[in-house]
Protein backbone atom coordinates (compact mmCIF):
# COMPACT_ATOMS: atom_id res chain seq x y z
CA MET A 1 -37.97 133.21 51.69
CA SER A 2 -38.61 129.67 52.83
CA THR A 3 -36.57 128.07 55.18
CA VAL A 4 -37.52 124.54 53.91
CA ASP A 5 -34.51 122.35 53.13
CA LEU A 6 -35.20 120.57 49.94
CA ASP A 7 -32.49 118.03 50.57
CA GLU A 8 -33.93 116.78 53.86
CA VAL A 9 -35.90 113.73 52.71
CA ALA A 10 -38.02 113.56 55.89
CA THR A 11 -39.09 117.07 55.67
CA MET A 12 -40.01 116.68 52.03
CA GLU A 13 -41.80 113.34 52.84
CA ARG A 14 -43.84 115.21 55.51
CA PHE A 15 -45.14 117.72 53.07
CA ASP A 16 -46.00 114.94 50.57
CA PRO A 17 -48.32 112.40 52.06
CA GLY A 18 -50.01 111.50 49.09
CA GLY A 19 -46.74 110.41 47.37
CA MET A 20 -46.52 112.83 44.44
CA GLU A 21 -42.77 112.65 44.12
CA ARG A 22 -42.97 108.89 43.64
CA ARG A 23 -45.34 109.30 40.88
CA ILE A 24 -43.19 112.02 39.32
CA ALA A 25 -40.25 109.62 39.50
CA GLU A 26 -42.20 106.67 37.87
CA LEU A 27 -42.97 108.68 34.60
CA PRO A 28 -40.39 106.35 32.68
CA ARG A 29 -42.02 103.40 34.01
CA GLN A 30 -45.42 104.58 32.96
CA CYS A 31 -44.28 105.28 29.44
CA ARG A 32 -42.90 101.68 29.08
CA GLU A 33 -45.91 100.12 30.43
CA ALA A 34 -48.12 102.12 28.25
CA MET A 35 -46.06 101.36 25.35
CA ASP A 36 -46.29 97.68 25.94
CA LEU A 37 -50.18 97.77 26.67
CA ALA A 38 -50.73 99.80 23.42
CA LYS A 39 -48.68 97.51 21.21
CA SER A 40 -51.10 94.70 22.06
CA LEU A 41 -54.39 96.42 22.03
CA ARG A 42 -56.75 95.15 19.52
CA PHE A 43 -59.03 97.47 17.44
CA PRO A 44 -61.14 97.14 14.28
CA GLU A 45 -59.05 97.62 11.08
CA HIS A 46 -61.12 100.14 9.69
CA TYR A 47 -59.98 102.59 12.31
CA ALA A 48 -57.00 103.11 10.14
CA ASP A 49 -59.46 104.61 7.46
CA ALA A 50 -60.43 107.54 9.53
CA ASP A 51 -60.41 110.84 7.78
CA SER A 52 -60.10 112.93 10.90
CA ILE A 53 -59.12 112.41 14.56
CA VAL A 54 -60.63 114.02 17.91
CA ILE A 55 -59.21 113.54 21.24
CA LEU A 56 -61.58 114.09 24.09
CA GLY A 57 -60.10 115.03 27.30
CA LEU A 58 -59.94 117.58 30.37
CA GLY A 59 -57.14 118.63 32.56
CA GLY A 60 -54.48 115.86 33.29
CA SER A 61 -56.23 113.61 30.72
CA ALA A 62 -55.98 116.05 27.99
CA ILE A 63 -52.50 117.06 28.17
CA GLY A 64 -51.20 113.70 26.73
CA GLY A 65 -53.12 114.56 23.64
CA ASP A 66 -51.93 118.16 23.50
CA LEU A 67 -48.33 117.00 23.61
CA VAL A 68 -49.00 114.32 21.14
CA ARG A 69 -50.63 117.01 18.75
CA THR A 70 -47.54 119.15 18.74
CA LEU A 71 -45.24 116.16 17.78
CA VAL A 72 -47.28 114.78 15.03
CA GLU A 73 -49.54 117.34 13.55
CA GLN A 74 -47.41 118.56 10.73
CA ARG A 75 -46.75 114.75 9.59
CA CYS A 76 -50.41 113.40 10.17
CA PRO A 77 -52.39 113.02 6.95
CA VAL A 78 -55.74 113.89 8.65
CA PRO A 79 -56.70 116.72 10.84
CA LEU A 80 -56.29 115.91 14.58
CA LEU A 81 -58.11 118.12 17.12
CA ILE A 82 -58.17 118.10 20.82
CA ASN A 83 -61.65 118.63 22.20
CA ARG A 84 -62.07 119.97 25.91
CA ASP A 85 -65.95 120.39 26.35
CA TYR A 86 -69.07 118.72 26.49
CA GLY A 87 -69.88 119.19 22.78
CA ILE A 88 -68.17 117.90 19.80
CA PRO A 89 -67.49 119.54 16.38
CA GLY A 90 -69.85 119.32 13.76
CA PHE A 91 -67.50 117.39 11.28
CA VAL A 92 -67.59 114.35 13.53
CA ASN A 93 -69.22 111.49 11.77
CA SER A 94 -68.66 107.62 10.99
CA HIS A 95 -65.31 108.47 9.28
CA THR A 96 -63.93 110.18 12.51
CA LEU A 97 -61.76 108.40 15.09
CA VAL A 98 -62.48 109.53 18.59
CA LEU A 99 -60.06 108.72 21.26
CA ALA A 100 -61.83 109.42 24.60
CA SER A 101 -59.26 110.13 27.33
CA SER A 102 -60.48 110.15 30.90
CA TYR A 103 -58.15 108.60 33.69
CA SER A 104 -61.26 107.88 36.08
CA GLY A 105 -63.64 107.15 33.40
CA ASN A 106 -66.26 109.21 34.99
CA THR A 107 -65.26 112.80 33.63
CA GLU A 108 -68.77 114.36 32.70
CA GLU A 109 -67.70 116.33 29.79
CA VAL A 110 -65.81 113.25 28.25
CA LEU A 111 -68.96 111.16 28.77
CA THR A 112 -71.20 113.55 27.18
CA ALA A 113 -68.88 114.14 24.16
CA VAL A 114 -68.38 110.35 23.68
CA GLY A 115 -72.22 109.74 23.92
CA ALA A 116 -72.54 112.43 20.94
CA ALA A 117 -69.81 110.71 19.13
CA LEU A 118 -71.36 107.38 19.36
CA GLY A 119 -74.58 108.98 18.28
CA ARG A 120 -72.94 109.78 14.94
CA ASP A 121 -71.46 106.58 14.58
CA ALA A 122 -67.94 107.64 15.05
CA MET A 123 -64.97 105.19 15.58
CA CYS A 124 -64.39 105.15 19.45
CA LEU A 125 -61.61 104.13 21.58
CA ALA A 126 -61.44 104.67 25.31
CA ILE A 127 -58.14 105.55 27.21
CA THR A 128 -58.92 104.95 31.01
CA THR A 129 -58.40 102.88 34.11
CA GLY A 130 -62.31 102.10 34.20
CA GLY A 131 -65.35 103.85 35.08
CA GLU A 132 -68.45 104.55 33.13
CA LEU A 133 -66.34 105.20 30.18
CA ALA A 134 -65.01 101.67 30.18
CA THR A 135 -68.22 100.25 30.82
CA LEU A 136 -69.93 102.16 28.00
CA CYS A 137 -67.19 101.12 25.43
CA SER A 138 -66.92 97.72 26.58
CA SER A 139 -70.80 97.07 26.36
CA ARG A 140 -70.56 98.29 22.67
CA GLY A 141 -67.51 95.96 21.80
CA LEU A 142 -65.37 99.09 21.46
CA PRO A 143 -61.70 98.85 22.30
CA VAL A 144 -60.55 100.11 25.73
CA PHE A 145 -57.06 101.07 26.45
CA ARG A 146 -57.16 100.13 30.24
CA PHE A 147 -54.37 100.88 32.66
CA ASP A 148 -54.04 100.31 36.47
CA TYR A 149 -52.26 103.27 38.38
CA GLU A 150 -53.43 104.92 41.17
CA SER A 151 -52.74 108.66 41.30
CA GLN A 152 -54.16 112.15 40.44
CA PRO A 153 -54.99 112.21 36.54
CA ARG A 154 -52.16 114.60 36.05
CA ALA A 155 -49.76 112.25 37.80
CA ALA A 156 -50.53 109.41 35.15
CA LEU A 157 -49.59 111.39 32.05
CA GLY A 158 -47.02 108.68 30.81
CA TYR A 159 -50.06 106.34 30.16
CA SER A 160 -52.15 108.87 28.11
CA PHE A 161 -49.16 110.48 26.24
CA THR A 162 -47.43 107.12 25.30
CA SER A 163 -50.53 105.14 24.30
CA LEU A 164 -51.72 107.79 21.90
CA LEU A 165 -48.18 108.09 20.09
CA VAL A 166 -48.10 104.19 19.83
CA LEU A 167 -51.83 103.82 18.73
CA LEU A 168 -51.54 106.50 16.09
CA GLU A 169 -48.29 104.90 14.75
CA ARG A 170 -49.88 101.40 14.86
CA LEU A 171 -53.01 102.88 12.88
CA GLY A 172 -50.67 104.30 10.21
CA PHE A 173 -51.33 108.22 11.09
CA VAL A 174 -47.71 108.74 11.76
CA ALA A 175 -44.61 106.87 11.21
CA ASP A 176 -41.21 106.54 12.73
CA ILE A 177 -42.32 106.85 16.32
CA ALA A 178 -40.68 103.63 18.11
CA GLU A 179 -37.15 104.38 17.53
CA PRO A 180 -37.04 108.18 18.83
CA LEU A 181 -39.57 107.08 21.54
CA GLY A 182 -37.37 104.12 22.71
CA ALA A 183 -34.36 106.42 22.80
CA ALA A 184 -36.29 109.08 24.75
CA LEU A 185 -37.37 106.79 27.44
CA MET A 186 -33.70 105.58 27.73
CA ALA A 187 -32.65 109.28 28.48
CA LEU A 188 -35.69 109.92 30.67
CA GLU A 189 -34.67 106.86 32.86
CA LYS A 190 -31.54 108.77 33.63
CA LEU A 191 -33.06 112.18 34.81
CA GLY A 192 -33.77 110.88 38.22
CA SER A 193 -30.02 111.42 38.95
CA VAL A 194 -30.34 115.04 37.70
CA PHE A 195 -33.81 116.37 39.09
CA GLY A 196 -34.67 113.59 41.82
CA LEU A 197 -35.16 114.17 45.55
CA ASN A 198 -31.89 112.68 46.48
CA VAL A 199 -29.89 115.09 44.34
CA PRO A 200 -28.59 117.97 46.53
CA GLU A 201 -29.90 121.53 45.58
CA ALA A 202 -26.36 122.45 44.72
CA ASN A 203 -26.50 120.13 41.73
CA ASN A 204 -30.14 119.98 41.10
CA PRO A 205 -31.44 122.29 38.38
CA ALA A 206 -35.13 121.45 39.56
CA LYS A 207 -34.52 122.42 42.97
CA GLN A 208 -32.73 125.51 42.04
CA LEU A 209 -35.31 126.84 39.61
CA ALA A 210 -38.14 126.09 42.39
CA ARG A 211 -36.19 128.22 44.73
CA ARG A 212 -35.92 131.07 42.27
CA LEU A 213 -39.88 131.02 41.57
CA GLU A 214 -40.58 131.20 45.25
CA GLY A 215 -42.72 134.33 45.86
CA ARG A 216 -43.17 134.73 42.19
CA LEU A 217 -45.84 134.43 39.54
CA PRO A 218 -44.57 132.31 36.92
CA VAL A 219 -45.38 132.85 33.20
CA ILE A 220 -44.19 130.21 30.76
CA TYR A 221 -43.49 130.71 26.96
CA GLY A 222 -43.16 127.99 24.62
CA ALA A 223 -43.11 127.25 20.80
CA GLY A 224 -43.19 124.70 18.26
CA HIS A 225 -43.15 121.26 20.07
CA LEU A 226 -42.75 122.83 23.35
CA SER A 227 -45.97 124.85 23.09
CA GLU A 228 -47.96 122.54 25.25
CA VAL A 229 -45.22 121.80 27.51
CA ALA A 230 -45.68 125.38 28.71
CA ARG A 231 -49.18 124.61 29.47
CA ARG A 232 -48.32 121.46 31.42
CA TRP A 233 -45.94 123.65 33.43
CA LYS A 234 -48.60 126.20 34.00
CA CYS A 235 -51.20 123.29 35.08
CA GLN A 236 -48.56 121.82 37.54
CA PHE A 237 -47.79 125.13 39.12
CA ASN A 238 -51.54 125.56 39.51
CA GLU A 239 -52.42 122.01 40.91
CA ASN A 240 -49.12 120.97 42.56
CA SER A 241 -47.91 124.19 43.81
CA LYS A 242 -51.21 125.66 44.40
CA GLY A 243 -50.60 129.00 42.85
CA TRP A 244 -51.31 131.37 40.02
CA ALA A 245 -49.51 130.61 36.73
CA PHE A 246 -49.89 131.71 33.11
CA TRP A 247 -48.60 130.39 29.85
CA GLU A 248 -48.13 131.86 26.14
CA VAL A 249 -47.09 130.43 22.86
CA ALA A 250 -44.74 132.00 20.16
CA PRO A 251 -45.26 133.20 17.74
CA GLU A 252 -48.65 134.45 18.82
CA LEU A 253 -47.39 135.85 22.06
CA ASN A 254 -45.36 138.33 19.97
CA HIS A 255 -48.56 139.60 18.38
CA ASN A 256 -50.17 140.78 21.83
CA ALA A 257 -48.52 139.67 25.06
CA VAL A 258 -45.34 141.58 24.50
CA ALA A 259 -47.40 144.90 24.39
CA GLY A 260 -48.93 144.22 27.93
CA TYR A 261 -45.71 144.30 29.85
CA GLU A 262 -46.06 147.86 31.12
CA PHE A 263 -48.96 147.68 33.41
CA PRO A 264 -49.98 147.05 36.10
CA GLU A 265 -46.58 148.27 37.42
CA ALA A 266 -47.17 146.72 40.81
CA LEU A 267 -47.24 143.37 39.12
CA ARG A 268 -44.15 143.58 37.25
CA GLY A 269 -42.01 142.92 40.05
CA ASN A 270 -43.60 139.83 41.24
CA LEU A 271 -43.38 138.14 37.91
CA HIS A 272 -40.80 135.39 36.59
CA VAL A 273 -41.01 134.39 32.85
CA LEU A 274 -39.57 131.07 31.72
CA LEU A 275 -38.85 130.82 28.25
CA LEU A 276 -38.55 127.27 27.10
CA ASP A 277 -35.72 127.28 24.50
CA SER A 278 -34.64 124.44 22.11
CA ASP A 279 -32.03 123.94 19.63
CA LEU A 280 -34.64 121.86 17.55
CA TYR A 281 -36.85 124.93 17.21
CA ARG A 282 -37.12 126.21 13.61
CA GLN A 283 -34.81 129.24 13.42
CA SER A 284 -37.84 131.85 13.42
CA HIS A 285 -38.94 130.46 16.74
CA ARG A 286 -35.53 130.86 18.31
CA ALA A 287 -35.20 134.44 16.95
CA ARG A 288 -38.63 135.28 18.28
CA MET A 289 -37.79 133.77 21.88
CA GLN A 290 -34.55 135.68 21.87
CA ILE A 291 -35.97 139.04 21.09
CA THR A 292 -38.71 138.42 23.51
CA GLY A 293 -36.18 138.04 26.02
CA GLU A 294 -34.69 141.17 25.00
CA ILE A 295 -38.03 142.97 25.53
CA LEU A 296 -38.47 141.59 28.94
CA ARG A 297 -35.09 142.61 29.90
CA ARG A 298 -35.88 146.12 28.73
CA ARG A 299 -38.91 146.30 30.75
CA GLU A 300 -37.07 145.01 33.73
CA ILE A 301 -39.18 141.97 34.33
CA ALA A 302 -37.36 138.79 35.79
CA HIS A 303 -37.03 136.03 33.26
CA GLU A 304 -34.69 133.25 32.13
CA PHE A 305 -34.29 130.78 29.42
CA VAL A 306 -34.86 127.01 30.27
CA ASN A 307 -32.48 125.32 27.75
CA VAL A 308 -34.47 122.05 26.88
CA ARG A 309 -32.33 119.11 26.13
CA GLY A 310 -32.67 115.96 23.96
CA GLU A 311 -31.69 114.54 20.51
CA SER A 312 -35.50 114.45 19.23
CA THR A 313 -38.44 116.42 19.80
CA ILE A 314 -40.06 113.40 21.54
CA SER A 315 -37.03 113.34 23.88
CA GLN A 316 -37.16 117.11 24.65
CA VAL A 317 -40.82 116.86 25.24
CA LEU A 318 -40.43 114.28 27.93
CA TRP A 319 -37.14 116.01 29.44
CA ALA A 320 -39.07 119.34 29.86
CA ILE A 321 -42.18 117.57 31.18
CA HIS A 322 -40.08 115.95 33.88
CA LEU A 323 -38.18 119.11 34.85
CA GLY A 324 -41.29 120.90 35.19
CA ASP A 325 -43.11 118.33 37.29
CA TYR A 326 -40.15 118.16 39.69
CA VAL A 327 -40.11 122.05 39.89
CA SER A 328 -43.84 122.12 40.94
CA TYR A 329 -43.36 119.55 43.52
CA TYR A 330 -40.23 121.34 45.03
CA LEU A 331 -42.16 124.75 44.99
CA ALA A 332 -45.14 123.06 46.69
CA ALA A 333 -42.72 122.07 49.37
CA LEU A 334 -41.37 125.61 49.75
CA ARG A 335 -44.91 126.67 50.13
CA GLY A 336 -45.64 124.27 52.79
CA VAL A 337 -48.30 122.61 50.76
CA ASP A 338 -49.09 118.95 50.12
CA PRO A 339 -48.84 118.79 46.22
CA THR A 340 -51.36 116.02 45.82
CA PRO A 341 -55.08 117.15 46.80
CA VAL A 342 -56.83 119.70 44.75
CA GLU A 343 -59.58 120.76 47.04
CA SER A 344 -60.96 123.64 44.95
CA ILE A 345 -61.61 121.05 42.00
CA ALA A 346 -63.11 118.39 44.26
CA TYR A 347 -65.58 121.12 45.74
CA LEU A 348 -66.62 122.20 42.27
CA LYS A 349 -67.24 118.55 41.24
CA GLU A 350 -69.30 118.14 44.43
CA ARG A 351 -71.46 121.36 43.81
CA LEU A 352 -72.04 120.16 40.19
CA ALA A 353 -73.10 116.77 41.36
CA GLU A 354 -75.64 118.30 43.89
CA GLY A 355 -77.41 119.80 40.87
CA LYS A 356 -78.01 116.77 38.96
């Protein structure tokens, strides 16, 4: 077990030269800035007439779209799809709203996909800090939600998530966002005194959970509005904590994953399953998560329920995101790694560039 003292600020700062903790703490500010920027963004009136919506993005620039989809898809009157590839669906045409999200503006999959969308006269809007995406859209007179924030893409989630929510409301695809979003941000701003670096481990659930995950392989289960939060936790454990992690979604996991708890036997003792639980789940989701916990207990697999808090689905998503981000940061410290750089991803991009 690690001897790292998560309460020793100087030690924690030594493991975090890139300032990931500061960016995690700034999530509420990111969301508020994005909300203000999105309220003032101008776009063509006919964008509100779209009969389908496609959000383009990869990695940290896509997860905002994933989270928004889980919050609005049952109320949105048109199909809403997240597209994580070079190609675009065959249905994309001049009646499709394409929201291209790329932190750097240079994500090659997004640039290729938005080029294809423009070729079909789709209604495009960019969400970015700049790069080729901003240049391309600006040159065509298309709207660009541009924000200025220096970080890894995954650490700028507040901008992509909040801008998408506000823009979809302004365009009329979803209603009743402003009030619950405002209340959620007020609650989010108080969480630094719960999960933050200056809160002692004895009183800090994020530090405590990171300690329990040390030496374990995390598997995260979510459902409903928390299904993509499970993905976010998995990705943060990959990128910040530099470790393996997996995620599953209920009810689908009850049709396959639960059958795979037996083998390999050597792995079972290294797993730690986190079941994201919510009092806002539909009853069938809650029942499935509870029974899944029973099966894990019968198989003697370490697991625990994470009781997500919040008065609304938006508030619970942000609460859970903030907790997971902090846990991944503390777990990185326990492993003695800098949470900011992602060397393997950088290497992959360099190798791809060599082939061009």
